[in-house]
Amino acid sequence: MIYVEFIERDRFMPIEIFRRLGDQSSWTAAEDQLVGSFGRTMRLGPIPGYLAFWRCKGMARMDEWEAHFRTPEAQRDIAEQATHRAIHLQHAGCYDELAGETAVDRGMLFCIEYFAAPSRTSDEEVLRHYRARAARQPAARLSFLLRRIGRLGPDPGALAVWSLADYVALEAFERAREDDDPLRPAAVGVYRWFGREIL
């Protein structure tokens, strides 16, 4: 499962503090892996402008997280408290990982598509559709394909993360978009790895 945090920066928080604590390095649980940390760049895309992807073992991990945050140790964790004061966690979602890389290239430009996948469309059909798109666009690599578990996440409910070398590759990718695509995105954003984004 991928737990996605949708984060916005409080404009009263200096960017230096936000970037220092927003990487969430204070969370060091071995059971969780931060596999994506994206910041909207050049103001291209929807708000909130930041997303963090946490790979975890499934919904059982949510019970463990809640239990942890209720412990006295967690209440006294200064680093965790500082992180939550520096970043504005607007909402979160729980997603099935239909496709995902172990580690993305942090130097890439990322295009995140927000799309709806009707319940009548199987995971296999969604994956097959996106793999076919990837085959037609060799300059774009499908890094993640996520589908919301039930209604546990914001609309439209699914995310595709593409890795591209630069804006020239992004332009070609965007111009190849098909209007009759049944899984076409409702919104698209352009991102850099957290801390490398241009505000």
N, C-alpha and C. Protein backbone atom coordinates (compact mmCIF):
# COMPACT_ATOMS: atom_id res chain seq x y z
N MET A 1 0.84 -1.19 0.00
CA MET A 1 0.00 0.00 0.00
C MET A 1 0.88 1.24 0.00
N ILE A 2 0.40 2.27 -0.67
CA ILE A 2 1.04 3.58 -0.62
C ILE A 2 0.10 4.55 0.11
N TYR A 3 0.63 5.16 1.15
CA TYR A 3 -0.10 6.19 1.88
C TYR A 3 0.42 7.53 1.34
N VAL A 4 -0.47 8.33 0.78
CA VAL A 4 -0.06 9.60 0.19
C VAL A 4 -0.51 10.74 1.07
N GLU A 5 0.43 11.62 1.39
CA GLU A 5 0.12 12.85 2.12
C GLU A 5 0.09 14.00 1.12
N PHE A 6 -0.97 14.78 1.17
CA PHE A 6 -1.11 15.97 0.34
C PHE A 6 -0.82 17.16 1.24
N ILE A 7 0.24 17.87 0.93
CA ILE A 7 0.82 18.85 1.86
C ILE A 7 0.83 20.23 1.22
N GLU A 8 0.55 21.24 2.04
CA GLU A 8 0.70 22.61 1.59
C GLU A 8 1.63 23.33 2.55
N ARG A 9 2.36 24.29 2.00
CA ARG A 9 3.27 25.08 2.83
C ARG A 9 2.52 26.27 3.40
N ASP A 10 2.62 26.44 4.71
CA ASP A 10 2.08 27.62 5.37
C ASP A 10 2.95 28.80 4.96
N ARG A 11 2.35 29.82 4.34
CA ARG A 11 3.14 30.96 3.84
C ARG A 11 3.78 31.77 4.97
N PHE A 12 3.34 31.56 6.21
CA PHE A 12 3.98 32.25 7.33
C PHE A 12 5.21 31.49 7.82
N MET A 13 5.41 30.28 7.31
CA MET A 13 6.57 29.47 7.67
C MET A 13 7.70 29.76 6.68
N PRO A 14 8.86 30.22 7.13
CA PRO A 14 9.96 30.48 6.20
C PRO A 14 10.27 29.24 5.37
N ILE A 15 10.56 29.45 4.10
CA ILE A 15 10.79 28.33 3.19
C ILE A 15 11.96 27.46 3.66
N GLU A 16 12.95 28.08 4.28
CA GLU A 16 14.11 27.32 4.75
C GLU A 16 13.71 26.31 5.82
N ILE A 17 12.81 26.72 6.72
CA ILE A 17 12.35 25.80 7.77
C ILE A 17 11.45 24.73 7.17
N PHE A 18 10.57 25.14 6.26
CA PHE A 18 9.69 24.17 5.60
C PHE A 18 10.50 23.10 4.89
N ARG A 19 11.53 23.51 4.16
CA ARG A 19 12.33 22.53 3.42
C ARG A 19 13.19 21.68 4.35
N ARG A 20 13.60 22.24 5.45
CA ARG A 20 14.42 21.47 6.41
C ARG A 20 13.58 20.36 7.06
N LEU A 21 12.36 20.69 7.45
CA LEU A 21 11.53 19.72 8.17
C LEU A 21 10.57 18.97 7.26
N GLY A 22 10.27 19.53 6.12
CA GLY A 22 9.30 18.92 5.22
C GLY A 22 9.78 17.65 4.55
N ASP A 23 11.09 17.38 4.61
CA ASP A 23 11.57 16.12 4.04
C ASP A 23 11.23 14.93 4.93
N GLN A 24 10.73 15.22 6.13
CA GLN A 24 10.22 14.23 7.07
C GLN A 24 11.27 13.19 7.47
N SER A 25 12.52 13.61 7.48
CA SER A 25 13.59 12.68 7.84
C SER A 25 13.55 12.25 9.30
N SER A 26 12.73 12.92 10.11
CA SER A 26 12.64 12.52 11.52
C SER A 26 11.90 11.19 11.68
N TRP A 27 11.14 10.79 10.64
CA TRP A 27 10.42 9.52 10.71
C TRP A 27 11.34 8.43 10.18
N THR A 28 11.76 7.55 11.04
CA THR A 28 12.78 6.57 10.67
C THR A 28 12.33 5.13 10.91
N ALA A 29 11.03 4.87 10.93
CA ALA A 29 10.54 3.51 11.15
C ALA A 29 10.96 2.62 9.99
N ALA A 30 11.55 1.48 10.32
CA ALA A 30 12.04 0.56 9.29
C ALA A 30 10.92 -0.02 8.45
N GLU A 31 9.70 -0.04 8.99
CA GLU A 31 8.56 -0.63 8.28
C GLU A 31 8.03 0.26 7.15
N ASP A 32 8.46 1.52 7.11
CA ASP A 32 7.93 2.48 6.15
C ASP A 32 9.07 3.02 5.28
N GLN A 33 8.74 3.27 4.03
CA GLN A 33 9.74 3.79 3.10
C GLN A 33 9.16 4.99 2.37
N LEU A 34 9.84 6.13 2.46
CA LEU A 34 9.44 7.32 1.72
C LEU A 34 9.94 7.14 0.29
N VAL A 35 9.05 6.81 -0.63
CA VAL A 35 9.44 6.50 -2.01
C VAL A 35 9.19 7.65 -2.97
N GLY A 36 8.46 8.65 -2.51
CA GLY A 36 8.20 9.82 -3.34
C GLY A 36 8.01 11.04 -2.48
N SER A 37 8.68 12.13 -2.84
CA SER A 37 8.53 13.39 -2.12
C SER A 37 8.60 14.49 -3.17
N PHE A 38 7.44 14.97 -3.59
CA PHE A 38 7.34 15.81 -4.76
C PHE A 38 6.84 17.20 -4.41
N GLY A 39 7.46 18.22 -5.00
CA GLY A 39 7.03 19.59 -4.83
C GLY A 39 6.69 20.20 -6.18
N ARG A 40 5.50 20.78 -6.27
CA ARG A 40 5.09 21.42 -7.53
C ARG A 40 6.12 22.47 -7.92
N THR A 41 6.49 22.48 -9.19
CA THR A 41 7.51 23.42 -9.64
C THR A 41 6.96 24.35 -10.71
N MET A 42 7.46 25.57 -10.73
CA MET A 42 7.05 26.59 -11.69
C MET A 42 5.54 26.85 -11.66
N ARG A 43 4.90 26.50 -10.54
CA ARG A 43 3.48 26.74 -10.32
C ARG A 43 2.57 26.02 -11.32
N LEU A 44 3.08 24.93 -11.89
CA LEU A 44 2.32 24.16 -12.88
C LEU A 44 1.59 23.03 -12.19
N GLY A 45 0.30 23.21 -11.96
CA GLY A 45 -0.47 22.13 -11.37
C GLY A 45 -1.35 22.58 -10.23
N PRO A 46 -2.12 21.64 -9.70
CA PRO A 46 -3.10 21.95 -8.65
C PRO A 46 -2.45 22.11 -7.28
N ILE A 47 -3.25 22.63 -6.36
CA ILE A 47 -2.82 22.68 -4.96
C ILE A 47 -3.62 21.62 -4.20
N PRO A 48 -3.07 21.10 -3.11
CA PRO A 48 -1.79 21.45 -2.50
C PRO A 48 -0.60 21.07 -3.38
N GLY A 49 0.50 21.74 -3.16
CA GLY A 49 1.64 21.63 -4.05
C GLY A 49 2.64 20.55 -3.73
N TYR A 50 2.43 19.80 -2.67
CA TYR A 50 3.42 18.79 -2.26
C TYR A 50 2.74 17.45 -1.99
N LEU A 51 3.43 16.39 -2.37
CA LEU A 51 2.94 15.03 -2.10
C LEU A 51 4.08 14.19 -1.55
N ALA A 52 3.78 13.39 -0.55
CA ALA A 52 4.74 12.42 -0.01
C ALA A 52 4.12 11.04 -0.14
N PHE A 53 4.87 10.10 -0.72
CA PHE A 53 4.43 8.73 -0.91
C PHE A 53 5.15 7.84 0.09
N TRP A 54 4.39 7.19 0.96
CA TRP A 54 4.96 6.27 1.94
C TRP A 54 4.54 4.84 1.58
N ARG A 55 5.51 3.99 1.32
CA ARG A 55 5.19 2.59 1.07
C ARG A 55 5.18 1.87 2.41
N CYS A 56 4.07 1.18 2.69
CA CYS A 56 3.93 0.47 3.96
C CYS A 56 3.23 -0.86 3.72
N LYS A 57 3.12 -1.65 4.76
CA LYS A 57 2.65 -3.03 4.58
C LYS A 57 1.14 -3.18 4.40
N GLY A 58 0.39 -2.11 4.55
CA GLY A 58 -1.05 -2.21 4.35
C GLY A 58 -1.82 -1.49 5.44
N MET A 59 -3.12 -1.71 5.46
CA MET A 59 -3.98 -0.99 6.39
C MET A 59 -3.65 -1.30 7.85
N ALA A 60 -3.07 -2.46 8.12
CA ALA A 60 -2.67 -2.77 9.50
C ALA A 60 -1.67 -1.75 10.02
N ARG A 61 -0.91 -1.18 9.09
CA ARG A 61 0.09 -0.19 9.50
C ARG A 61 -0.60 1.08 10.03
N MET A 62 -1.78 1.38 9.56
CA MET A 62 -2.51 2.55 10.05
C MET A 62 -2.84 2.38 11.53
N ASP A 63 -3.25 1.17 11.93
CA ASP A 63 -3.50 0.90 13.35
C ASP A 63 -2.23 1.10 14.17
N GLU A 64 -1.11 0.63 13.63
CA GLU A 64 0.17 0.77 14.34
C GLU A 64 0.59 2.23 14.45
N TRP A 65 0.39 3.00 13.38
CA TRP A 65 0.73 4.43 13.44
C TRP A 65 -0.10 5.13 14.50
N GLU A 66 -1.41 4.89 14.51
CA GLU A 66 -2.25 5.54 15.51
C GLU A 66 -1.83 5.16 16.93
N ALA A 67 -1.54 3.88 17.12
CA ALA A 67 -1.09 3.44 18.45
C ALA A 67 0.21 4.13 18.84
N HIS A 68 1.12 4.26 17.88
CA HIS A 68 2.40 4.93 18.15
C HIS A 68 2.18 6.39 18.55
N PHE A 69 1.35 7.11 17.78
CA PHE A 69 1.17 8.54 18.04
C PHE A 69 0.47 8.81 19.36
N ARG A 70 -0.15 7.79 19.96
CA ARG A 70 -0.78 7.95 21.27
C ARG A 70 0.18 7.67 22.43
N THR A 71 1.38 7.17 22.14
CA THR A 71 2.32 6.82 23.21
C THR A 71 2.94 8.07 23.82
N PRO A 72 3.36 7.99 25.07
CA PRO A 72 4.06 9.12 25.69
C PRO A 72 5.34 9.49 24.94
N GLU A 73 6.03 8.48 24.38
CA GLU A 73 7.27 8.76 23.65
C GLU A 73 6.99 9.64 22.43
N ALA A 74 5.91 9.33 21.72
CA ALA A 74 5.56 10.13 20.55
C ALA A 74 5.16 11.54 20.95
N GLN A 75 4.46 11.67 22.07
CA GLN A 75 4.06 13.00 22.54
C GLN A 75 5.25 13.87 22.88
N ARG A 76 6.37 13.24 23.25
CA ARG A 76 7.58 13.99 23.62
C ARG A 76 8.58 14.11 22.47
N ASP A 77 8.27 13.57 21.30
CA ASP A 77 9.19 13.57 20.16
C ASP A 77 9.23 14.98 19.56
N ILE A 78 10.27 15.72 19.89
CA ILE A 78 10.38 17.12 19.47
C ILE A 78 10.50 17.24 17.96
N ALA A 79 11.27 16.34 17.35
CA ALA A 79 11.45 16.40 15.89
C ALA A 79 10.13 16.17 15.17
N GLU A 80 9.34 15.21 15.62
CA GLU A 80 8.05 14.94 14.98
C GLU A 80 7.08 16.11 15.19
N GLN A 81 7.09 16.68 16.38
CA GLN A 81 6.22 17.83 16.64
C GLN A 81 6.60 19.00 15.75
N ALA A 82 7.89 19.23 15.59
CA ALA A 82 8.36 20.33 14.74
C ALA A 82 7.94 20.11 13.29
N THR A 83 8.04 18.86 12.83
CA THR A 83 7.65 18.55 11.46
C THR A 83 6.18 18.88 11.22
N HIS A 84 5.33 18.49 12.16
CA HIS A 84 3.90 18.74 11.99
C HIS A 84 3.54 20.21 12.11
N ARG A 85 4.38 20.99 12.75
CA ARG A 85 4.13 22.43 12.80
C ARG A 85 4.64 23.13 11.55
N ALA A 86 5.62 22.54 10.88
CA ALA A 86 6.22 23.16 9.70
C ALA A 86 5.44 22.87 8.44
N ILE A 87 4.78 21.73 8.38
CA ILE A 87 4.05 21.36 7.17
C ILE A 87 2.55 21.26 7.47
N HIS A 88 1.77 21.63 6.47
CA HIS A 88 0.31 21.59 6.61
C HIS A 88 -0.20 20.38 5.85
N LEU A 89 -0.50 19.32 6.59
CA LEU A 89 -1.02 18.11 5.98
C LEU A 89 -2.51 18.31 5.71
N GLN A 90 -2.86 18.66 4.47
CA GLN A 90 -4.25 18.98 4.15
C GLN A 90 -5.14 17.75 4.15
N HIS A 91 -4.67 16.68 3.54
CA HIS A 91 -5.39 15.42 3.58
C HIS A 91 -4.46 14.30 3.15
N ALA A 92 -4.96 13.08 3.20
CA ALA A 92 -4.16 11.92 2.85
C ALA A 92 -5.05 10.90 2.15
N GLY A 93 -4.41 9.89 1.59
CA GLY A 93 -5.16 8.83 0.92
C GLY A 93 -4.41 7.52 0.99
N CYS A 94 -5.17 6.43 0.89
CA CYS A 94 -4.60 5.08 0.89
C CYS A 94 -4.81 4.48 -0.49
N TYR A 95 -3.74 3.96 -1.08
CA TYR A 95 -3.77 3.54 -2.47
C TYR A 95 -3.16 2.16 -2.66
N ASP A 96 -3.76 1.41 -3.58
CA ASP A 96 -3.12 0.19 -4.07
C ASP A 96 -2.06 0.61 -5.07
N GLU A 97 -0.92 -0.04 -4.98
CA GLU A 97 0.20 0.28 -5.88
C GLU A 97 0.15 -0.69 -7.06
N LEU A 98 -0.38 -0.21 -8.19
CA LEU A 98 -0.47 -1.05 -9.39
C LEU A 98 0.87 -1.17 -10.09
N ALA A 99 1.68 -0.13 -9.98
CA ALA A 99 3.04 -0.13 -10.51
C ALA A 99 3.84 0.84 -9.66
N GLY A 100 5.09 0.49 -9.38
CA GLY A 100 5.91 1.37 -8.57
C GLY A 100 7.37 1.01 -8.64
N GLU A 101 8.20 2.04 -8.66
CA GLU A 101 9.64 1.84 -8.68
C GLU A 101 10.16 1.73 -7.26
N THR A 102 11.25 1.02 -7.11
CA THR A 102 11.89 0.93 -5.80
C THR A 102 12.47 2.27 -5.40
N ALA A 103 13.09 2.94 -6.37
CA ALA A 103 13.67 4.27 -6.10
C ALA A 103 13.62 5.08 -7.39
N VAL A 104 13.02 6.24 -7.32
CA VAL A 104 12.97 7.11 -8.50
C VAL A 104 14.25 7.92 -8.57
N ASP A 105 14.57 8.39 -9.76
CA ASP A 105 15.72 9.27 -9.97
C ASP A 105 15.31 10.66 -9.52
N ARG A 106 15.91 11.13 -8.45
CA ARG A 106 15.50 12.41 -7.87
C ARG A 106 15.83 13.62 -8.74
N GLY A 107 16.64 13.42 -9.76
CA GLY A 107 17.00 14.52 -10.64
C GLY A 107 16.03 14.73 -11.79
N MET A 108 15.02 13.88 -11.89
CA MET A 108 14.08 13.96 -13.00
C MET A 108 13.01 15.03 -12.79
N LEU A 109 12.33 15.35 -13.87
CA LEU A 109 11.12 16.15 -13.83
C LEU A 109 9.96 15.17 -13.75
N PHE A 110 8.99 15.43 -12.88
CA PHE A 110 7.89 14.50 -12.67
C PHE A 110 6.57 15.14 -13.13
N CYS A 111 5.80 14.38 -13.86
CA CYS A 111 4.46 14.78 -14.25
C CYS A 111 3.50 13.85 -13.52
N ILE A 112 2.64 14.43 -12.69
CA ILE A 112 1.67 13.64 -11.95
C ILE A 112 0.29 13.90 -12.53
N GLU A 113 -0.35 12.81 -12.93
CA GLU A 113 -1.70 12.87 -13.49
C GLU A 113 -2.68 12.40 -12.43
N TYR A 114 -3.76 13.14 -12.28
CA TYR A 114 -4.84 12.81 -11.36
C TYR A 114 -6.02 12.36 -12.22
N PHE A 115 -6.42 11.10 -12.10
CA PHE A 115 -7.47 10.60 -12.99
C PHE A 115 -8.44 9.71 -12.21
N ALA A 116 -9.60 9.49 -12.82
CA ALA A 116 -10.61 8.62 -12.24
C ALA A 116 -10.57 7.27 -12.94
N ALA A 117 -10.71 6.21 -12.15
CA ALA A 117 -10.79 4.86 -12.69
C ALA A 117 -12.07 4.24 -12.15
N PRO A 118 -13.10 4.13 -12.98
CA PRO A 118 -14.38 3.59 -12.50
C PRO A 118 -14.22 2.20 -11.89
N SER A 119 -15.05 1.88 -10.91
CA SER A 119 -14.93 0.59 -10.22
C SER A 119 -15.12 -0.59 -11.17
N ARG A 120 -15.84 -0.38 -12.25
CA ARG A 120 -16.04 -1.48 -13.21
C ARG A 120 -14.77 -1.79 -14.01
N THR A 121 -13.79 -0.89 -13.96
CA THR A 121 -12.52 -1.11 -14.64
C THR A 121 -11.56 -1.79 -13.66
N SER A 122 -11.06 -2.95 -14.02
CA SER A 122 -10.21 -3.73 -13.12
C SER A 122 -8.82 -3.10 -13.01
N ASP A 123 -8.11 -3.47 -11.96
CA ASP A 123 -6.73 -3.02 -11.79
C ASP A 123 -5.89 -3.43 -12.99
N GLU A 124 -6.11 -4.64 -13.48
CA GLU A 124 -5.34 -5.15 -14.62
C GLU A 124 -5.58 -4.31 -15.86
N GLU A 125 -6.83 -3.87 -16.06
CA GLU A 125 -7.14 -3.03 -17.22
C GLU A 125 -6.46 -1.66 -17.10
N VAL A 126 -6.49 -1.10 -15.90
CA VAL A 126 -5.84 0.20 -15.68
C VAL A 126 -4.34 0.07 -15.94
N LEU A 127 -3.73 -0.95 -15.39
CA LEU A 127 -2.29 -1.16 -15.58
C LEU A 127 -1.95 -1.38 -17.04
N ARG A 128 -2.73 -2.21 -17.72
CA ARG A 128 -2.49 -2.49 -19.14
C ARG A 128 -2.58 -1.19 -19.96
N HIS A 129 -3.59 -0.37 -19.65
CA HIS A 129 -3.78 0.90 -20.35
C HIS A 129 -2.56 1.81 -20.18
N TYR A 130 -2.07 1.92 -18.96
CA TYR A 130 -0.94 2.81 -18.71
C TYR A 130 0.37 2.26 -19.24
N ARG A 131 0.52 0.95 -19.23
CA ARG A 131 1.72 0.37 -19.85
C ARG A 131 1.72 0.59 -21.36
N ALA A 132 0.54 0.55 -21.97
CA ALA A 132 0.44 0.82 -23.41
C ALA A 132 0.80 2.28 -23.70
N ARG A 133 0.35 3.19 -22.85
CA ARG A 133 0.73 4.60 -23.02
C ARG A 133 2.23 4.77 -22.88
N ALA A 134 2.82 4.09 -21.89
CA ALA A 134 4.26 4.19 -21.68
C ALA A 134 5.03 3.67 -22.89
N ALA A 135 4.54 2.62 -23.52
CA ALA A 135 5.20 2.06 -24.70
C ALA A 135 5.17 3.04 -25.87
N ARG A 136 4.12 3.87 -25.94
CA ARG A 136 4.01 4.86 -27.02
C ARG A 136 4.81 6.12 -26.73
N GLN A 137 5.27 6.28 -25.48
CA GLN A 137 5.99 7.48 -25.07
C GLN A 137 7.33 7.09 -24.44
N PRO A 138 8.31 6.70 -25.22
CA PRO A 138 9.57 6.21 -24.65
C PRO A 138 10.34 7.24 -23.83
N ALA A 139 10.05 8.52 -24.01
CA ALA A 139 10.74 9.55 -23.23
C ALA A 139 10.15 9.73 -21.84
N ALA A 140 9.02 9.08 -21.58
CA ALA A 140 8.36 9.17 -20.27
C ALA A 140 8.35 7.79 -19.63
N ARG A 141 8.82 7.73 -18.39
CA ARG A 141 8.82 6.46 -17.66
C ARG A 141 7.72 6.48 -16.60
N LEU A 142 6.90 5.43 -16.59
CA LEU A 142 5.84 5.33 -15.59
C LEU A 142 6.48 4.89 -14.27
N SER A 143 6.58 5.82 -13.33
CA SER A 143 7.23 5.53 -12.05
C SER A 143 6.28 4.97 -11.00
N PHE A 144 5.04 5.47 -10.99
CA PHE A 144 4.02 4.98 -10.06
C PHE A 144 2.66 5.01 -10.73
N LEU A 145 1.86 4.02 -10.40
CA LEU A 145 0.46 4.00 -10.79
C LEU A 145 -0.32 3.57 -9.56
N LEU A 146 -1.12 4.49 -9.02
CA LEU A 146 -1.79 4.27 -7.75
C LEU A 146 -3.30 4.40 -7.93
N ARG A 147 -4.02 3.51 -7.26
CA ARG A 147 -5.48 3.54 -7.31
C ARG A 147 -6.03 3.58 -5.89
N ARG A 148 -6.85 4.55 -5.63
CA ARG A 148 -7.42 4.77 -4.30
C ARG A 148 -8.16 3.52 -3.81
N ILE A 149 -7.99 3.21 -2.54
CA ILE A 149 -8.72 2.12 -1.91
C ILE A 149 -10.09 2.66 -1.51
N GLY A 150 -11.13 2.16 -2.18
CA GLY A 150 -12.48 2.66 -1.91
C GLY A 150 -12.55 4.16 -2.11
N ARG A 151 -12.98 4.88 -1.07
CA ARG A 151 -13.06 6.34 -1.11
C ARG A 151 -12.03 6.97 -0.17
N LEU A 152 -10.99 6.21 0.17
CA LEU A 152 -9.97 6.68 1.12
C LEU A 152 -8.92 7.53 0.42
N GLY A 153 -9.34 8.70 0.01
CA GLY A 153 -8.44 9.63 -0.65
C GLY A 153 -9.24 10.63 -1.46
N PRO A 154 -8.61 11.73 -1.84
CA PRO A 154 -9.34 12.78 -2.56
C PRO A 154 -9.67 12.38 -4.00
N ASP A 155 -10.68 13.02 -4.54
CA ASP A 155 -11.02 12.83 -5.95
C ASP A 155 -9.92 13.44 -6.82
N PRO A 156 -9.71 12.92 -8.04
CA PRO A 156 -10.55 11.92 -8.71
C PRO A 156 -10.24 10.47 -8.34
N GLY A 157 -9.19 10.21 -7.58
CA GLY A 157 -9.03 8.88 -7.01
C GLY A 157 -7.85 8.07 -7.44
N ALA A 158 -7.17 8.43 -8.52
CA ALA A 158 -6.01 7.65 -8.96
C ALA A 158 -4.91 8.59 -9.41
N LEU A 159 -3.67 8.10 -9.32
CA LEU A 159 -2.50 8.92 -9.66
C LEU A 159 -1.56 8.13 -10.55
N ALA A 160 -1.02 8.80 -11.55
CA ALA A 160 0.07 8.25 -12.35
C ALA A 160 1.22 9.23 -12.28
N VAL A 161 2.41 8.73 -11.94
CA VAL A 161 3.60 9.57 -11.86
C VAL A 161 4.54 9.17 -12.99
N TRP A 162 4.85 10.14 -13.84
CA TRP A 162 5.75 9.92 -14.97
C TRP A 162 7.06 10.66 -14.71
N SER A 163 8.18 10.04 -15.03
CA SER A 163 9.49 10.66 -14.92
C SER A 163 9.98 11.04 -16.31
N LEU A 164 10.43 12.28 -16.44
CA LEU A 164 10.90 12.80 -17.73
C LEU A 164 12.22 13.52 -17.53
N ALA A 165 13.00 13.60 -18.58
CA ALA A 165 14.32 14.22 -18.47
C ALA A 165 14.23 15.73 -18.31
N ASP A 166 13.28 16.36 -19.02
CA ASP A 166 13.23 17.82 -19.03
C ASP A 166 11.88 18.29 -19.55
N TYR A 167 11.74 19.62 -19.68
CA TYR A 167 10.49 20.20 -20.15
C TYR A 167 10.24 19.93 -21.63
N VAL A 168 11.30 19.76 -22.41
CA VAL A 168 11.12 19.43 -23.82
C VAL A 168 10.44 18.07 -23.95
N ALA A 169 10.88 17.10 -23.15
CA ALA A 169 10.24 15.79 -23.14
C ALA A 169 8.80 15.89 -22.62
N LEU A 170 8.59 16.75 -21.62
CA LEU A 170 7.25 16.96 -21.08
C LEU A 170 6.31 17.52 -22.15
N GLU A 171 6.80 18.46 -22.94
CA GLU A 171 5.95 19.05 -23.98
C GLU A 171 5.49 17.98 -24.96
N ALA A 172 6.40 17.15 -25.42
CA ALA A 172 6.03 16.09 -26.36
C ALA A 172 5.03 15.13 -25.72
N PHE A 173 5.25 14.82 -24.46
CA PHE A 173 4.36 13.91 -23.74
C PHE A 173 2.95 14.50 -23.65
N GLU A 174 2.86 15.77 -23.30
CA GLU A 174 1.56 16.42 -23.15
C GLU A 174 0.85 16.61 -24.49
N ARG A 175 1.59 16.90 -25.53
CA ARG A 175 0.97 17.10 -26.84
C ARG A 175 0.43 15.81 -27.43
N ALA A 176 0.92 14.67 -26.94
CA ALA A 176 0.46 13.37 -27.44
C ALA A 176 -0.80 12.89 -26.73
N ARG A 177 -1.32 13.68 -25.82
CA ARG A 177 -2.49 13.27 -25.06
C ARG A 177 -3.70 13.06 -25.97
N GLU A 178 -4.46 12.01 -25.67
CA GLU A 178 -5.62 11.65 -26.49
C GLU A 178 -6.91 12.07 -25.78
N ASP A 179 -7.72 12.89 -26.44
CA ASP A 179 -8.95 13.40 -25.82
C ASP A 179 -9.96 12.30 -25.53
N ASP A 180 -9.93 11.22 -26.31
CA ASP A 180 -10.91 10.15 -26.11
C ASP A 180 -10.40 9.06 -25.16
N ASP A 181 -9.31 9.31 -24.49
CA ASP A 181 -8.76 8.36 -23.52
C ASP A 181 -9.75 8.22 -22.36
N PRO A 182 -10.27 7.01 -22.10
CA PRO A 182 -11.25 6.85 -21.01
C PRO A 182 -10.66 7.08 -19.62
N LEU A 183 -9.34 7.04 -19.50
CA LEU A 183 -8.68 7.27 -18.22
C LEU A 183 -7.87 8.56 -18.26
N ARG A 184 -8.30 9.52 -19.10
CA ARG A 184 -7.55 10.77 -19.21
C ARG A 184 -7.59 11.52 -17.88
N PRO A 185 -6.53 12.24 -17.57
CA PRO A 185 -6.48 12.94 -16.28
C PRO A 185 -7.44 14.12 -16.19
N ALA A 186 -7.94 14.32 -14.99
CA ALA A 186 -8.76 15.49 -14.70
C ALA A 186 -7.87 16.70 -14.42
N ALA A 187 -6.64 16.43 -13.96
CA ALA A 187 -5.67 17.49 -13.68
C ALA A 187 -4.27 16.91 -13.82
N VAL A 188 -3.32 17.79 -14.10
CA VAL A 188 -1.92 17.40 -14.26
C VAL A 188 -1.07 18.42 -13.53
N GLY A 189 -0.02 17.94 -12.86
CA GLY A 189 0.92 18.83 -12.21
C GLY A 189 2.34 18.47 -12.57
N VAL A 190 3.24 19.44 -12.47
CA VAL A 190 4.66 19.24 -12.78
C VAL A 190 5.44 19.45 -11.49
N TYR A 191 6.35 18.52 -11.20
CA TYR A 191 7.01 18.48 -9.89
C TYR A 191 8.50 18.20 -10.02
N ARG A 192 9.22 18.61 -9.00
CA ARG A 192 10.60 18.20 -8.77
C ARG A 192 10.63 17.46 -7.43
N TRP A 193 11.74 16.76 -7.19
CA TRP A 193 11.90 16.16 -5.88
C TRP A 193 11.89 17.27 -4.83
N PHE A 194 11.34 16.96 -3.68
CA PHE A 194 11.17 17.94 -2.60
C PHE A 194 12.49 18.70 -2.36
N GLY A 195 12.38 20.01 -2.32
CA GLY A 195 13.54 20.87 -2.09
C GLY A 195 14.19 21.37 -3.36
N ARG A 196 13.87 20.74 -4.49
CA ARG A 196 14.41 21.17 -5.77
C ARG A 196 13.39 21.94 -6.60
N GLU A 197 12.17 22.08 -6.07
CA GLU A 197 11.12 22.76 -6.80
C GLU A 197 11.38 24.28 -6.87
N ILE A 198 10.90 24.90 -7.94
CA ILE A 198 10.96 26.35 -8.08
C ILE A 198 9.59 26.90 -7.71
N LEU A 199 9.56 27.76 -6.69
CA LEU A 199 8.30 28.29 -6.19
C LEU A 199 7.70 29.30 -7.14
